[in-house]
C-alpha atoms as a PDB file:
ATOM      1  CA  MET A   1     112.302 125.808  83.687  1.00  0.00           C
ATOM      2  CA  PRO A   2     112.927 127.237  80.230  1.00  0.00           C
ATOM      3  CA  GLY A   3     116.547 127.146  79.236  1.00  0.00           C
ATOM      4  CA  ALA A   4     117.473 124.688  81.999  1.00  0.00           C
ATOM      5  CA  LYS A   5     119.741 121.881  80.851  1.00  0.00           C
ATOM      6  CA  THR A   6     118.340 118.423  81.563  1.00  0.00           C
ATOM      7  CA  ASN A   7     119.488 114.967  80.607  1.00  0.00           C
ATOM      8  CA  ASP A   8     117.099 115.046  77.639  1.00  0.00           C
ATOM      9  CA  ASP A   9     118.589 118.286  76.226  1.00  0.00           C
ATOM     10  CA  ASP A  10     121.651 116.650  74.695  1.00  0.00           C
ATOM     11  CA  GLY A  11     119.877 116.104  71.396  1.00  0.00           C
ATOM     12  CA  GLU A  12     119.592 112.335  71.632  1.00  0.00           C
ATOM     13  CA  ASP A  13     116.258 110.723  70.935  1.00  0.00           C
ATOM     14  CA  ILE A  14     115.571 108.559  73.979  1.00  0.00           C
ATOM     15  CA  SER A  15     111.966 107.717  73.192  1.00  0.00           C
ATOM     16  CA  SER A  16     111.004 104.228  72.205  1.00  0.00           C
ATOM     17  CA  SER A  17     109.590 103.323  68.806  1.00  0.00           C
ATOM     18  CA  ASP A  18     106.007 103.893  69.973  1.00  0.00           C
ATOM     19  CA  GLY A  19     106.796 107.418  71.229  1.00  0.00           C
ATOM     20  CA  THR A  20     106.607 106.706  74.953  1.00  0.00           C
ATOM     21  CA  HIS A  21     109.337 107.496  77.418  1.00  0.00           C
ATOM     22  CA  PRO A  22     111.361 104.360  78.301  1.00  0.00           C
ATOM     23  CA  THR A  23     110.859 104.805  82.062  1.00  0.00           C
ATOM     24  CA  SER A  24     107.098 105.390  81.909  1.00  0.00           C
ATOM     25  CA  PRO A  25     104.874 102.754  83.537  1.00  0.00           C
ATOM     26  CA  ARG A  26     103.787 100.012  81.194  1.00  0.00           C
ATOM     27  CA  GLU A  27     100.822  97.724  81.106  1.00  0.00           C
ATOM     28  CA  PRO A  28     101.300  94.114  82.229  1.00  0.00           C
ATOM     29  CA  GLU A  29     101.876  91.823  79.283  1.00  0.00           C
ATOM     30  CA  GLY A  30      99.778  88.845  80.284  1.00  0.00           C
ATOM     31  CA  PRO A  31      97.764  87.061  82.949  1.00  0.00           C
ATOM     32  CA  ASP A  32     100.909  85.525  84.452  1.00  0.00           C
ATOM     33  CA  GLU A  33     102.477  88.937  84.957  1.00  0.00           C
ATOM     34  CA  VAL A  34      99.247  90.326  86.406  1.00  0.00           C
ATOM     35  CA  GLN A  35      99.090  87.409  88.831  1.00  0.00           C
ATOM     36  CA  GLU A  36     102.736  87.938  89.824  1.00  0.00           C
ATOM     37  CA  ILE A  37     102.074  91.637  90.458  1.00  0.00           C
ATOM     38  CA  ARG A  38      99.054  90.756  92.614  1.00  0.00           C
ATOM     39  CA  LYS A  39     101.126  88.261  94.630  1.00  0.00           C
ATOM     40  CA  HIS A  40     103.880  90.810  95.172  1.00  0.00           C
ATOM     41  CA  THR A  41     101.374  93.473  96.182  1.00  0.00           C
ATOM     42  CA  GLN A  42      99.640  91.095  98.596  1.00  0.00           C
ATOM     43  CA  ARG A  43     102.981  90.124 100.201  1.00  0.00           C
ATOM     44  CA  ALA A  44     103.891  93.791 100.629  1.00  0.00           C
ATOM     45  CA  THR A  45     100.462  94.495 102.146  1.00  0.00           C
ATOM     46  CA  ASN A  46     100.822  91.564 104.534  1.00  0.00           C
ATOM     47  CA  ARG A  47     104.266  92.789 105.622  1.00  0.00           C
ATOM     48  CA  VAL A  48     102.841  96.234 106.358  1.00  0.00           C
ATOM     49  CA  LYS A  49      99.982  94.717 108.357  1.00  0.00           C
ATOM     50  CA  TYR A  50     102.437  92.529 110.301  1.00  0.00           C
ATOM     51  CA  TRP A  51     104.727  95.424 111.235  1.00  0.00           C
ATOM     52  CA  ARG A  52     101.748  97.637 112.083  1.00  0.00           C
ATOM     53  CA  ALA A  53     100.384  94.972 114.447  1.00  0.00           C
ATOM     54  CA  LEU A  54     103.820  94.352 115.956  1.00  0.00           C
ATOM     55  CA  THR A  55     104.368  98.075 116.533  1.00  0.00           C
ATOM     56  CA  THR A  56     100.918  98.465 118.078  1.00  0.00           C
ATOM     57  CA  PHE A  57     101.559  95.526 120.388  1.00  0.00           C
ATOM     58  CA  ALA A  58     104.955  96.931 121.401  1.00  0.00           C
ATOM     59  CA  LEU A  59     103.471 100.344 122.174  1.00  0.00           C
ATOM     60  CA  ILE A  60     100.652  98.823 124.237  1.00  0.00           C
ATOM     61  CA  ALA A  61     103.092  96.572 126.134  1.00  0.00           C
ATOM     62  CA  THR A  62     105.371  99.538 126.823  1.00  0.00           C
ATOM     63  CA  GLY A  63     102.438 101.624 128.060  1.00  0.00           C
ATOM     64  CA  ILE A  64     101.231  98.858 130.360  1.00  0.00           C
ATOM     65  CA  SER A  65     104.680  98.195 131.801  1.00  0.00           C
ATOM     66  CA  VAL A  66     105.384 101.905 132.416  1.00  0.00           C
ATOM     67  CA  THR A  67     101.969 102.342 134.031  1.00  0.00           C
ATOM     68  CA  ALA A  68     102.444  99.271 136.267  1.00  0.00           C
ATOM     69  CA  ALA A  69     105.957 100.305 137.296  1.00  0.00           C
ATOM     70  CA  THR A  70     104.848 103.867 138.079  1.00  0.00           C
ATOM     71  CA  TYR A  71     101.853 102.652 140.086  1.00  0.00           C
ATOM     72  CA  THR A  72     104.011 100.238 142.095  1.00  0.00           C
ATOM     73  CA  LEU A  73     106.659 102.858 142.863  1.00  0.00           C
ATOM     74  CA  LEU A  74     104.099 105.489 143.849  1.00  0.00           C
ATOM     75  CA  LEU A  75     102.210 102.998 146.029  1.00  0.00           C
ATOM     76  CA  LYS A  76     105.432 102.100 147.879  1.00  0.00           C
ATOM     77  CA  GLN A  77     106.378 105.760 148.234  1.00  0.00           C
ATOM     78  CA  GLU A  78     102.919 106.670 149.561  1.00  0.00           C
ATOM     79  CA  ASP A  79     103.033 103.827 152.079  1.00  0.00           C
ATOM     80  CA  GLU A  80     106.524 104.866 153.173  1.00  0.00           C
ATOM     81  CA  ASN A  81     105.506 108.516 153.556  1.00  0.00           C
ATOM     82  CA  PHE A  82     102.459 107.474 155.609  1.00  0.00           C
ATOM     83  CA  ARG A  83     104.562 105.322 157.943  1.00  0.00           C
ATOM     84  CA  ILE A  84     107.079 108.163 158.422  1.00  0.00           C
ATOM     85  CA  SER A  85     104.386 110.759 159.164  1.00  0.00           C
ATOM     86  CA  VAL A  86     102.523 108.481 161.646  1.00  0.00           C
ATOM     87  CA  SER A  87     105.547 107.442 163.676  1.00  0.00           C
END
């Protein structure tokens, strides 16, 4: 917005010597840093996969248990209603 006061409007030069903003993404500085970034990314990906699998398993287990409990209760209720209506 024109005229809006931001943190950069105080007149201070916050750019670095090469003209880039200090919080802008930077390129990795060497093969060790690239490897460390890849390791970190792989660990984060593995954590996401783990929690996704765990959540899927929990949802499937919940669905199976609710279905089994409902079936058992309805089977007992149907049997009870049949016995009452026959006698």
